[in-house]
Amino acid sequence: MEPINAPLTDERWSRRWEQWSGDLRRLRLDGVVDALLDAGAPLAPLGAHLLWIAQPALGLFVPRDDVAALARVLEQPGGLEQVRHHLLMGPDDDDE
């Protein structure tokens, strides 16, 4: 069995995180997204369940495996922190 964060750290996800992070910084929305992630932290498991429910419809736009991977991560304790780390930490940031 692979680690829980493995689906979000493979090469495909690395490129996505990098692109999304760059887009947020370029649009200067990284602070807003950080605040929303803080406020929504207690709702992460609910968000995971909503992803499971919406997976068939979302599968029209993104691979269903990707939706499932994100839902599995959000279901885990600390999952939202993993998403925050990948989304808000740019290539120039320290991992401290």
Protein backbone atom coordinates (compact mmCIF):
# COMPACT_ATOMS: atom_id res chain seq x y z
CA MET A 1 0.00 0.00 0.00
CA GLU A 2 1.44 3.38 -0.99
CA PRO A 3 1.62 6.34 1.42
CA ILE A 4 -1.47 8.50 1.66
CA ASN A 5 0.26 11.51 0.06
CA ALA A 6 1.80 9.57 -2.83
CA PRO A 7 -0.97 10.43 -5.33
CA LEU A 8 -0.40 14.14 -4.72
CA THR A 9 3.38 14.04 -5.02
CA ASP A 10 3.97 12.22 -8.30
CA GLU A 11 5.30 14.10 -11.32
CA ARG A 12 1.86 14.94 -12.74
CA TRP A 13 0.72 16.47 -9.46
CA SER A 14 4.02 18.30 -9.00
CA ARG A 15 3.45 20.14 -12.27
CA ARG A 16 -0.13 20.96 -11.30
CA TRP A 17 0.82 22.26 -7.84
CA GLU A 18 3.56 24.38 -9.40
CA GLN A 19 1.17 25.84 -12.00
CA TRP A 20 -1.63 26.50 -9.51
CA SER A 21 0.77 28.03 -6.99
CA GLY A 22 2.24 30.28 -9.68
CA ASP A 23 -1.22 31.32 -10.85
CA LEU A 24 -2.25 32.23 -7.29
CA ARG A 25 0.90 34.28 -6.75
CA ARG A 26 0.63 36.01 -10.11
CA LEU A 27 -2.99 36.94 -9.40
CA ARG A 28 -2.02 37.86 -5.82
CA LEU A 29 -4.64 35.48 -4.46
CA ASP A 30 -2.29 33.35 -2.37
CA GLY A 31 -3.19 35.26 0.82
CA VAL A 32 -6.90 34.91 0.13
CA VAL A 33 -6.58 31.18 -0.53
CA ASP A 34 -4.50 30.79 2.64
CA ALA A 35 -7.22 32.53 4.68
CA LEU A 36 -9.94 30.40 3.05
CA LEU A 37 -8.00 27.22 3.81
CA ASP A 38 -7.65 28.36 7.43
CA ALA A 39 -11.36 29.08 7.72
CA GLY A 40 -12.34 25.87 5.94
CA ALA A 41 -10.03 23.55 7.89
CA PRO A 42 -12.83 22.08 10.04
CA LEU A 43 -14.81 21.38 6.87
CA ALA A 44 -12.08 19.40 5.06
CA PRO A 45 -13.77 16.01 5.68
CA LEU A 46 -17.04 17.44 4.37
CA GLY A 47 -15.17 18.71 1.31
CA ALA A 48 -13.79 15.23 0.77
CA HIS A 49 -17.29 13.76 0.83
CA LEU A 50 -18.50 16.40 -1.59
CA LEU A 51 -15.66 15.45 -3.95
CA TRP A 52 -16.75 11.79 -3.77
CA ILE A 53 -20.33 12.79 -4.57
CA ALA A 54 -19.29 15.12 -7.41
CA GLN A 55 -16.70 12.70 -8.81
CA PRO A 56 -18.87 11.49 -11.72
CA ALA A 57 -19.56 15.05 -12.89
CA LEU A 58 -16.04 16.28 -12.21
CA GLY A 59 -14.78 13.29 -14.18
CA LEU A 60 -15.93 15.11 -17.30
CA PHE A 61 -13.25 17.76 -16.68
CA VAL A 62 -10.47 16.04 -14.73
CA PRO A 63 -9.48 12.39 -14.35
CA ARG A 64 -11.62 10.62 -11.76
CA ASP A 65 -8.48 9.16 -10.17
CA ASP A 66 -7.28 12.69 -9.45
CA VAL A 67 -10.56 13.62 -7.77
CA ALA A 68 -10.39 10.43 -5.72
CA ALA A 69 -6.77 11.11 -4.72
CA LEU A 70 -7.64 14.59 -3.50
CA ALA A 71 -10.69 13.30 -1.62
CA ARG A 72 -8.60 10.59 0.08
CA VAL A 73 -6.04 13.15 1.21
CA LEU A 74 -8.71 15.52 2.57
CA GLU A 75 -10.24 12.65 4.57
CA GLN A 76 -6.98 12.11 6.45
CA PRO A 77 -5.86 14.10 9.49
CA GLY A 78 -3.47 16.74 8.24
CA GLY A 79 -4.64 16.31 4.67
CA LEU A 80 -5.62 19.93 4.25
CA GLU A 81 -2.17 20.92 5.49
CA GLN A 82 -0.66 18.79 2.73
CA VAL A 83 -2.80 20.59 0.17
CA ARG A 84 -1.86 23.96 1.70
CA HIS A 85 1.84 23.06 1.58
CA HIS A 86 1.71 22.00 -2.06
CA LEU A 87 -0.48 24.90 -3.15
CA LEU A 88 1.05 27.79 -1.24
CA MET A 89 4.71 26.79 -1.07
CA GLY A 90 6.48 27.97 -4.20
CA PRO A 91 9.79 26.69 -5.55
CA ASP A 92 11.65 29.58 -3.87
CA ASP A 93 10.14 28.99 -0.42
CA ASP A 94 12.00 27.17 2.33
CA ASP A 95 10.49 23.95 3.67
CA GLU A 96 11.00 25.07 7.27
